[in-house]
Amino acid sequence: MLAQSTDTNVTVSGTILVDVFSQSVGNAVPARTTTSETRMEDNSSDLIFGVRENLGNGLAAVGRLNFKPNYPTGAFAPNGESYVGLDSKDWGSLGAGRYSLHYFKTPEDAYFLGGSYRTSPSSLIDFAGGGRVAIANATRTGNVLKYTSPNWNGLQTVVAYSFSPAGSQALSADGKYGNTARTGRAWNLNPTYTAANWMVGYSFWDSRADAPSAVYDPNVQGLGNVGGNVGIYAVPAAGTSAIGQLVTADQRSDSLYGFYTWSGWKFGAMWNRSKLTAAATGAGLASVGTELSNRTAWSIPLRYTVGPNNFMATYTKAQDDSATPVQDGAKQVALTYAYSLSKRTYLALTWAKLTNDGSGAYTPYVSTASVNGNLAPGESARSIVFGMRHNF
């Protein structure tokens, strides 16, 4: 048995985020028999084990294992940001594992002060195809090699590559004799510059799924070629296993974001353009290479802090998709008051309303969903959330 090095440091940290969430649905479709509910939710709590071993000459071995406990349900899984790698003071860090890439970039503070992720700008910013498809998974991406540069007087760059962004890398299937399905991959480039009271960043995402497939079914959400009219949304239905073209479409997304702080105020801005391109086709569907979605979205978050009191307001807008003939944009307004009980503990109360256009299906953010399909086209959601956050 090897003795533990005195140069090895192991840490335990995390967050506990639980709230009472009440939501009512407006402009409900006939199939929705229940239009409101109140429940307790976990807001992506963390239990993080970190390790760092000094290897000498400014080089260290690092590792992180991030469990995501869910307090209401009792679920407990290591599906947070987890990796192993090397870190150098002079050369930066290189790691392999599961990372947060491209998503949740809006400089909005409500979530980090006890607010709910369901009312975050990500509900619109991180989804395209009329709100039906997550960009960059809208959660952690697996199978990633990630390089983070040193911080050069505020300038830092992340370059990441995923061997299979949509799921596990199936080596036996990819390498099987006679296999004609393409392999997936994703790139992320994310430079940022941070000064004393302002920050600006850019994030680029380009991905394609493993073995893309598409099946046309009038009961499946997606883009069909109905009567020669490419871009008509099919009606979503629960309980079906078939998929439309949107789910495995190629993705291209660009984000610009930043903030400025002054005398208790924080002014933020976020702009995103996301495109989906058909990677597979079938009977009744658009041809491969057809642009299925071209959506621009933006968000303006504001915060004013005085003593332990934090007042926040965010307006987010997903423009009507230029690749479709239907009205499928959305807007969201969120107001949050957060009280700092200490430097680590917060209470927060949020009111938010998400309003879809007639064919938009954006939904209050669900970090574990690959397809954001909880609201039917044209429905709206009004949310009231009271939550508590503790960092340790």
Protein backbone atom coordinates (compact mmCIF):
# COMPACT_ATOMS: atom_id res chain seq x y z
CA MET A 1 0.00 0.00 0.00
CA LEU A 2 1.35 3.41 -0.99
CA ALA A 3 1.57 6.11 1.65
CA GLN A 4 -0.38 9.29 0.95
CA SER A 5 1.88 12.17 -0.06
CA THR A 6 2.03 15.15 2.27
CA ASP A 7 1.69 17.27 -0.87
CA THR A 8 -1.81 15.92 -1.58
CA ASN A 9 -4.78 18.05 -0.63
CA VAL A 10 -8.34 16.66 -0.52
CA THR A 11 -11.31 19.01 -0.15
CA VAL A 12 -15.06 18.60 0.31
CA SER A 13 -17.36 21.42 -0.82
CA GLY A 14 -20.72 21.99 -2.42
CA THR A 15 -24.09 23.71 -2.37
CA ILE A 16 -27.55 22.88 -1.05
CA LEU A 17 -30.37 24.51 -3.03
CA VAL A 18 -33.99 23.65 -2.27
CA ASP A 19 -37.15 25.61 -3.03
CA VAL A 20 -40.94 25.53 -3.09
CA PHE A 21 -41.97 25.99 -6.72
CA SER A 22 -45.47 26.96 -7.86
CA GLN A 23 -46.33 27.11 -11.56
CA SER A 24 -49.51 27.84 -13.49
CA VAL A 25 -49.93 27.33 -17.24
CA GLY A 26 -51.78 29.88 -19.35
CA ASN A 27 -53.35 29.49 -22.78
CA ALA A 28 -53.44 25.76 -22.04
CA VAL A 29 -54.05 23.27 -24.84
CA PRO A 30 -57.17 21.07 -24.52
CA ALA A 31 -55.12 17.99 -23.64
CA ARG A 32 -53.75 19.67 -20.49
CA THR A 33 -56.22 18.76 -17.75
CA THR A 34 -54.16 20.24 -14.89
CA THR A 35 -52.94 23.80 -15.28
CA SER A 36 -51.17 24.42 -11.97
CA GLU A 37 -49.04 22.66 -9.39
CA THR A 38 -46.90 23.37 -6.33
CA ARG A 39 -44.00 21.17 -5.33
CA MET A 40 -40.65 21.08 -3.58
CA GLU A 41 -37.64 21.02 -5.87
CA ASP A 42 -33.91 20.57 -5.68
CA ASN A 43 -32.08 23.23 -7.71
CA SER A 44 -29.05 21.20 -8.74
CA SER A 45 -27.35 20.77 -5.36
CA ASP A 46 -23.70 19.69 -5.31
CA LEU A 47 -21.40 17.50 -3.24
CA ILE A 48 -17.88 17.94 -4.59
CA PHE A 49 -14.73 16.01 -3.75
CA GLY A 50 -11.57 17.68 -5.00
CA VAL A 51 -7.99 16.43 -4.97
CA ARG A 52 -4.72 18.16 -5.81
CA GLU A 53 -1.26 16.62 -5.63
CA ASN A 54 1.89 18.71 -6.02
CA LEU A 55 4.18 17.00 -8.55
CA GLY A 56 6.93 19.61 -8.39
CA ASN A 57 8.13 22.34 -10.77
CA GLY A 58 4.75 24.07 -10.64
CA LEU A 59 2.87 20.99 -11.90
CA ALA A 60 -0.02 19.33 -10.04
CA ALA A 61 -2.33 16.38 -10.59
CA VAL A 62 -5.96 17.40 -10.06
CA GLY A 63 -9.28 15.58 -9.87
CA ARG A 64 -12.88 16.36 -9.09
CA LEU A 65 -15.91 14.15 -8.44
CA ASN A 66 -19.21 16.02 -8.40
CA PHE A 67 -22.29 14.26 -7.03
CA LYS A 68 -25.75 15.80 -7.57
CA PRO A 69 -28.01 14.90 -4.62
CA ASN A 70 -31.71 15.54 -5.09
CA TYR A 71 -33.26 16.20 -1.70
CA PRO A 72 -36.97 15.78 -2.55
CA THR A 73 -36.51 12.50 -4.48
CA GLY A 74 -33.46 10.99 -2.77
CA ALA A 75 -31.58 10.54 -6.06
CA PHE A 76 -27.78 10.70 -5.81
CA ALA A 77 -25.58 10.44 -8.89
CA PRO A 78 -22.04 11.56 -9.91
CA ASN A 79 -23.30 13.42 -12.98
CA GLY A 80 -21.95 16.87 -12.17
CA GLU A 81 -18.74 18.37 -13.52
CA SER A 82 -16.14 15.66 -12.87
CA TYR A 83 -12.66 15.21 -14.31
CA VAL A 84 -9.02 14.24 -13.84
CA GLY A 85 -6.05 16.10 -15.24
CA LEU A 86 -2.92 18.18 -14.83
CA ASP A 87 -2.55 21.82 -13.81
CA SER A 88 0.46 24.04 -14.42
CA LYS A 89 0.95 27.59 -13.19
CA ASP A 90 2.81 28.49 -16.39
CA TRP A 91 1.03 26.38 -19.00
CA GLY A 92 -2.58 26.12 -17.82
CA SER A 93 -4.61 22.98 -17.19
CA LEU A 94 -5.61 19.95 -19.25
CA GLY A 95 -8.39 17.65 -18.07
CA ALA A 96 -10.58 14.78 -19.23
CA GLY A 97 -14.12 14.14 -18.07
CA ARG A 98 -17.54 15.79 -17.92
CA TYR A 99 -17.64 19.59 -18.15
CA SER A 100 -20.03 22.54 -18.32
CA LEU A 101 -19.52 23.94 -21.83
CA HIS A 102 -21.22 26.87 -23.59
CA TYR A 103 -24.48 26.87 -21.60
CA PHE A 104 -25.55 28.98 -18.58
CA LYS A 105 -23.33 31.90 -19.66
CA THR A 106 -25.78 34.76 -19.05
CA PRO A 107 -24.28 37.05 -16.34
CA GLU A 108 -27.39 36.81 -14.15
CA ASP A 109 -26.95 36.32 -10.38
CA ALA A 110 -30.36 35.22 -9.09
CA TYR A 111 -29.54 31.49 -9.20
CA PHE A 112 -26.31 32.00 -7.25
CA LEU A 113 -28.17 33.96 -4.56
CA GLY A 114 -30.88 31.37 -3.92
CA GLY A 115 -33.11 31.79 -6.98
CA SER A 116 -34.43 28.96 -9.12
CA TYR A 117 -32.75 27.71 -12.30
CA ARG A 118 -36.25 27.24 -13.74
CA THR A 119 -36.63 31.00 -14.06
CA SER A 120 -33.13 31.61 -15.46
CA PRO A 121 -32.50 33.07 -18.95
CA SER A 122 -31.28 29.59 -20.00
CA SER A 123 -34.93 28.67 -20.52
CA LEU A 124 -34.67 30.58 -23.81
CA ILE A 125 -30.97 31.22 -24.44
CA ASP A 126 -29.92 27.55 -24.35
CA PHE A 127 -32.67 26.12 -26.57
CA ALA A 128 -33.48 26.39 -30.28
CA GLY A 129 -35.96 24.86 -32.71
CA GLY A 130 -38.80 26.82 -31.15
CA GLY A 131 -37.60 25.74 -27.69
CA ARG A 132 -37.60 22.03 -28.49
CA VAL A 133 -33.88 21.20 -28.57
CA ALA A 134 -31.12 21.86 -26.04
CA ILE A 135 -27.98 23.57 -27.31
CA ALA A 136 -24.77 22.05 -25.92
CA ASN A 137 -27.04 19.68 -23.99
CA ALA A 138 -28.07 22.62 -21.73
CA THR A 139 -26.16 20.70 -19.07
CA ARG A 140 -22.75 19.07 -18.66
CA THR A 141 -21.16 17.50 -21.74
CA GLY A 142 -19.38 14.17 -21.44
CA ASN A 143 -16.34 12.62 -23.12
CA VAL A 144 -14.47 15.93 -23.06
CA LEU A 145 -10.82 16.96 -23.27
CA LYS A 146 -10.55 20.52 -21.97
CA TYR A 147 -7.63 22.95 -21.98
CA THR A 148 -7.76 26.12 -19.88
CA SER A 149 -5.03 28.68 -20.44
CA PRO A 150 -3.27 30.56 -17.64
CA ASN A 151 -4.84 33.86 -16.64
CA TRP A 152 -2.85 36.52 -18.51
CA ASN A 153 -3.79 39.74 -16.71
CA GLY A 154 -7.50 38.95 -16.98
CA LEU A 155 -7.47 37.17 -20.34
CA GLN A 156 -8.22 33.45 -20.26
CA THR A 157 -9.24 30.94 -22.93
CA VAL A 158 -10.93 27.54 -22.84
CA VAL A 159 -10.63 25.07 -25.73
CA ALA A 160 -12.62 21.83 -25.40
CA TYR A 161 -13.32 18.81 -27.59
CA SER A 162 -15.92 16.10 -26.97
CA PHE A 163 -15.64 12.69 -28.64
CA SER A 164 -19.38 12.10 -28.21
CA PRO A 165 -21.34 15.14 -26.94
CA ALA A 166 -24.76 13.50 -26.85
CA GLY A 167 -23.90 10.43 -24.77
CA SER A 168 -21.43 7.67 -24.00
CA GLN A 169 -18.74 6.85 -26.49
CA ALA A 170 -19.56 3.38 -27.84
CA LEU A 171 -16.19 2.17 -29.08
CA SER A 172 -17.41 -1.30 -29.95
CA ALA A 173 -20.19 0.13 -32.13
CA ASP A 174 -18.07 2.82 -33.77
CA GLY A 175 -15.31 0.38 -34.62
CA LYS A 176 -17.53 -2.49 -35.69
CA TYR A 177 -16.83 -3.95 -39.14
CA GLY A 178 -19.29 -2.63 -41.70
CA ASN A 179 -20.49 0.23 -39.53
CA THR A 180 -21.53 3.16 -41.75
CA ALA A 181 -22.89 5.49 -39.06
CA ARG A 182 -20.83 8.59 -38.48
CA THR A 183 -19.21 9.33 -35.12
CA GLY A 184 -20.12 12.40 -33.14
CA ARG A 185 -17.94 15.26 -31.90
CA ALA A 186 -18.12 18.79 -30.53
CA TRP A 187 -15.85 21.83 -30.27
CA ASN A 188 -16.05 24.68 -27.78
CA LEU A 189 -13.93 27.85 -27.79
CA ASN A 190 -14.51 30.25 -24.89
CA PRO A 191 -12.19 33.25 -24.39
CA THR A 192 -12.99 35.76 -21.62
CA TYR A 193 -11.49 38.98 -20.34
CA THR A 194 -12.16 40.08 -16.75
CA ALA A 195 -11.21 43.46 -15.31
CA ALA A 196 -11.84 44.99 -11.90
CA ASN A 197 -15.48 45.91 -12.54
CA TRP A 198 -16.36 44.47 -15.96
CA MET A 199 -16.12 41.30 -18.00
CA VAL A 200 -16.69 40.27 -21.61
CA GLY A 201 -16.75 36.76 -23.09
CA TYR A 202 -17.40 34.84 -26.30
CA SER A 203 -18.37 31.20 -26.61
CA PHE A 204 -18.44 29.12 -29.81
CA TRP A 205 -20.09 25.69 -30.00
CA ASP A 206 -20.11 23.29 -32.96
CA SER A 207 -21.38 19.73 -32.58
CA ARG A 208 -22.77 16.71 -34.36
CA ALA A 209 -24.38 13.66 -32.81
CA ASP A 210 -23.35 10.02 -33.11
CA ALA A 211 -25.35 8.07 -35.71
CA PRO A 212 -28.05 10.72 -36.39
CA SER A 213 -31.47 9.40 -37.30
CA ALA A 214 -34.85 10.90 -38.12
CA VAL A 215 -38.34 9.45 -38.28
CA TYR A 216 -41.35 11.45 -39.45
CA ASP A 217 -44.48 11.00 -37.40
CA PRO A 218 -47.27 13.58 -37.04
CA ASN A 219 -47.25 12.87 -33.30
CA VAL A 220 -43.55 13.61 -32.84
CA GLN A 221 -42.17 17.07 -32.18
CA GLY A 222 -39.86 18.11 -34.95
CA LEU A 223 -39.68 19.70 -38.36
CA GLY A 224 -41.38 17.91 -41.19
CA ASN A 225 -41.78 18.43 -44.93
CA VAL A 226 -45.56 18.35 -45.00
CA GLY A 227 -47.01 18.98 -48.44
CA GLY A 228 -43.67 20.35 -49.58
CA ASN A 229 -43.71 23.04 -46.88
CA VAL A 230 -40.40 22.55 -45.08
CA GLY A 231 -40.45 23.98 -41.58
CA ILE A 232 -43.88 22.94 -40.32
CA TYR A 233 -43.78 21.81 -36.70
CA ALA A 234 -45.37 18.48 -35.97
CA VAL A 235 -47.53 18.28 -32.84
CA PRO A 236 -45.68 16.85 -29.80
CA ALA A 237 -47.14 13.88 -27.98
CA ALA A 238 -46.00 12.12 -24.84
CA GLY A 239 -45.02 8.48 -24.71
CA THR A 240 -43.59 8.04 -28.19
CA SER A 241 -40.10 6.70 -28.85
CA ALA A 242 -39.78 8.05 -32.38
CA ILE A 243 -37.71 11.18 -32.96
CA GLY A 244 -37.82 14.02 -35.42
CA GLN A 245 -34.96 15.71 -37.25
CA LEU A 246 -34.38 18.35 -34.59
CA VAL A 247 -33.08 16.02 -31.90
CA THR A 248 -29.95 14.80 -33.72
CA ALA A 249 -29.42 17.88 -35.90
CA ASP A 250 -25.97 19.42 -36.23
CA GLN A 251 -25.55 22.44 -33.95
CA ARG A 252 -23.73 25.76 -34.34
CA SER A 253 -24.04 28.37 -31.60
CA ASP A 254 -22.33 31.69 -30.81
CA SER A 255 -22.67 33.72 -27.61
CA LEU A 256 -21.44 37.16 -26.60
CA TYR A 257 -21.89 38.19 -22.98
CA GLY A 258 -20.57 40.49 -20.30
CA PHE A 259 -21.31 42.75 -17.35
CA TYR A 260 -20.37 46.06 -15.75
CA THR A 261 -20.58 46.88 -12.03
CA TRP A 262 -20.86 50.33 -10.48
CA SER A 263 -21.88 51.58 -7.02
CA GLY A 264 -24.04 48.60 -6.03
CA TRP A 265 -25.36 48.06 -9.57
CA LYS A 266 -24.56 45.25 -11.98
CA PHE A 267 -25.60 45.60 -15.63
CA GLY A 268 -25.38 42.48 -17.78
CA ALA A 269 -26.03 41.52 -21.38
CA MET A 270 -26.20 38.26 -23.34
CA TRP A 271 -26.61 37.62 -27.08
CA ASN A 272 -26.86 34.19 -28.69
CA ARG A 273 -27.44 32.82 -32.18
CA SER A 274 -28.04 29.08 -32.58
CA LYS A 275 -28.54 27.07 -35.76
CA LEU A 276 -29.72 23.50 -36.33
CA THR A 277 -28.98 21.68 -39.60
CA ALA A 278 -30.55 18.38 -40.63
CA ALA A 279 -28.04 15.53 -40.21
CA ALA A 280 -30.40 12.69 -41.21
CA THR A 281 -33.57 12.38 -43.23
CA GLY A 282 -36.42 10.04 -43.99
CA ALA A 283 -39.77 9.87 -45.74
CA GLY A 284 -41.61 13.16 -45.39
CA LEU A 285 -38.58 14.99 -43.94
CA ALA A 286 -36.31 17.74 -45.21
CA SER A 287 -33.07 16.72 -46.93
CA VAL A 288 -29.73 16.49 -45.11
CA GLY A 289 -28.12 19.90 -44.87
CA THR A 290 -31.41 21.80 -44.63
CA GLU A 291 -31.35 24.59 -42.05
CA LEU A 292 -34.04 23.62 -39.56
CA SER A 293 -33.56 26.42 -37.05
CA ASN A 294 -31.84 29.82 -37.02
CA ARG A 295 -32.75 31.52 -33.76
CA THR A 296 -31.37 34.69 -32.15
CA ALA A 297 -31.92 35.35 -28.44
CA TRP A 298 -30.80 38.00 -25.98
CA SER A 299 -31.07 38.77 -22.29
CA ILE A 300 -30.63 41.85 -20.08
CA PRO A 301 -30.06 41.04 -16.39
CA LEU A 302 -29.88 43.82 -13.76
CA ARG A 303 -28.98 43.68 -10.06
CA TYR A 304 -28.90 46.26 -7.30
CA THR A 305 -27.36 45.39 -3.93
CA VAL A 306 -27.63 47.39 -0.72
CA GLY A 307 -26.42 45.73 2.46
CA PRO A 308 -27.82 42.16 2.59
CA ASN A 309 -30.59 43.01 0.09
CA ASN A 310 -30.34 42.03 -3.58
CA PHE A 311 -32.93 43.20 -6.12
CA MET A 312 -32.76 41.54 -9.55
CA ALA A 313 -34.72 41.81 -12.80
CA THR A 314 -34.07 39.98 -16.08
CA TYR A 315 -35.74 40.27 -19.47
CA THR A 316 -35.01 37.54 -22.02
CA LYS A 317 -36.24 37.30 -25.61
CA ALA A 318 -35.99 34.49 -28.17
CA GLN A 319 -36.67 35.97 -31.59
CA ASP A 320 -38.94 34.31 -34.12
CA ASP A 321 -36.92 31.61 -35.89
CA SER A 322 -35.90 32.78 -39.37
CA ALA A 323 -35.73 29.19 -40.70
CA THR A 324 -39.41 28.43 -40.08
CA PRO A 325 -42.63 29.90 -41.50
CA VAL A 326 -44.39 29.87 -38.11
CA GLN A 327 -44.26 32.26 -35.14
CA ASP A 328 -42.12 30.35 -32.61
CA GLY A 329 -40.36 32.92 -30.43
CA ALA A 330 -40.81 33.56 -26.72
CA LYS A 331 -40.09 36.08 -23.96
CA GLN A 332 -39.51 35.80 -20.22
CA VAL A 333 -39.56 38.32 -17.38
CA ALA A 334 -38.09 37.37 -13.98
CA LEU A 335 -38.03 39.42 -10.76
CA THR A 336 -36.06 38.19 -7.74
CA TYR A 337 -35.42 39.47 -4.23
CA ALA A 338 -32.61 37.71 -2.35
CA TYR A 339 -31.56 38.27 1.25
CA SER A 340 -28.03 37.37 2.35
CA LEU A 341 -28.18 35.72 5.77
CA SER A 342 -24.39 35.36 5.58
CA LYS A 343 -21.67 35.14 2.95
CA ARG A 344 -22.75 31.55 2.28
CA THR A 345 -26.52 31.40 2.95
CA TYR A 346 -29.31 33.10 1.01
CA LEU A 347 -33.10 33.25 0.89
CA ALA A 348 -34.78 34.23 -2.38
CA LEU A 349 -38.27 34.92 -3.71
CA THR A 350 -38.84 34.92 -7.49
CA TRP A 351 -41.77 35.75 -9.75
CA ALA A 352 -41.39 34.94 -13.45
CA LYS A 353 -43.53 34.63 -16.56
CA LEU A 354 -42.56 32.86 -19.79
CA THR A 355 -44.78 33.60 -22.82
CA ASN A 356 -44.58 31.61 -26.05
CA ASP A 357 -45.64 32.66 -29.52
CA GLY A 358 -48.25 30.46 -31.17
CA SER A 359 -45.77 27.77 -32.25
CA GLY A 360 -43.09 28.34 -29.60
CA ALA A 361 -42.57 25.62 -26.99
CA TYR A 362 -39.95 27.14 -24.68
CA THR A 363 -40.27 25.84 -21.13
CA PRO A 364 -38.95 26.80 -17.67
CA TYR A 365 -35.39 25.50 -17.67
CA VAL A 366 -34.88 21.81 -16.91
CA SER A 367 -31.16 21.05 -16.69
CA THR A 368 -31.54 17.29 -17.13
CA ALA A 369 -33.77 17.37 -20.23
CA SER A 370 -32.34 16.83 -23.69
CA VAL A 371 -35.55 18.13 -25.26
CA ASN A 372 -37.33 21.00 -23.52
CA GLY A 373 -40.86 19.77 -24.27
CA ASN A 374 -42.87 20.38 -21.11
CA LEU A 375 -45.00 23.23 -22.50
CA ALA A 376 -47.10 22.72 -25.61
CA PRO A 377 -46.82 25.26 -28.47
CA GLY A 378 -48.38 28.58 -27.52
CA GLU A 379 -48.67 27.91 -23.80
CA SER A 380 -47.24 30.23 -21.13
CA ALA A 381 -45.95 29.59 -17.61
CA ARG A 382 -46.13 31.79 -14.53
CA SER A 383 -43.84 30.78 -11.67
CA ILE A 384 -43.48 31.80 -8.02
CA VAL A 385 -40.49 30.33 -6.21
CA PHE A 386 -39.22 30.61 -2.63
CA GLY A 387 -35.81 29.04 -2.14
CA MET A 388 -32.79 28.73 0.08
CA ARG A 389 -29.14 28.24 -0.88
CA HIS A 390 -26.21 27.31 1.34
CA ASN A 391 -22.63 27.05 0.10
CA PHE A 392 -20.10 25.01 2.04
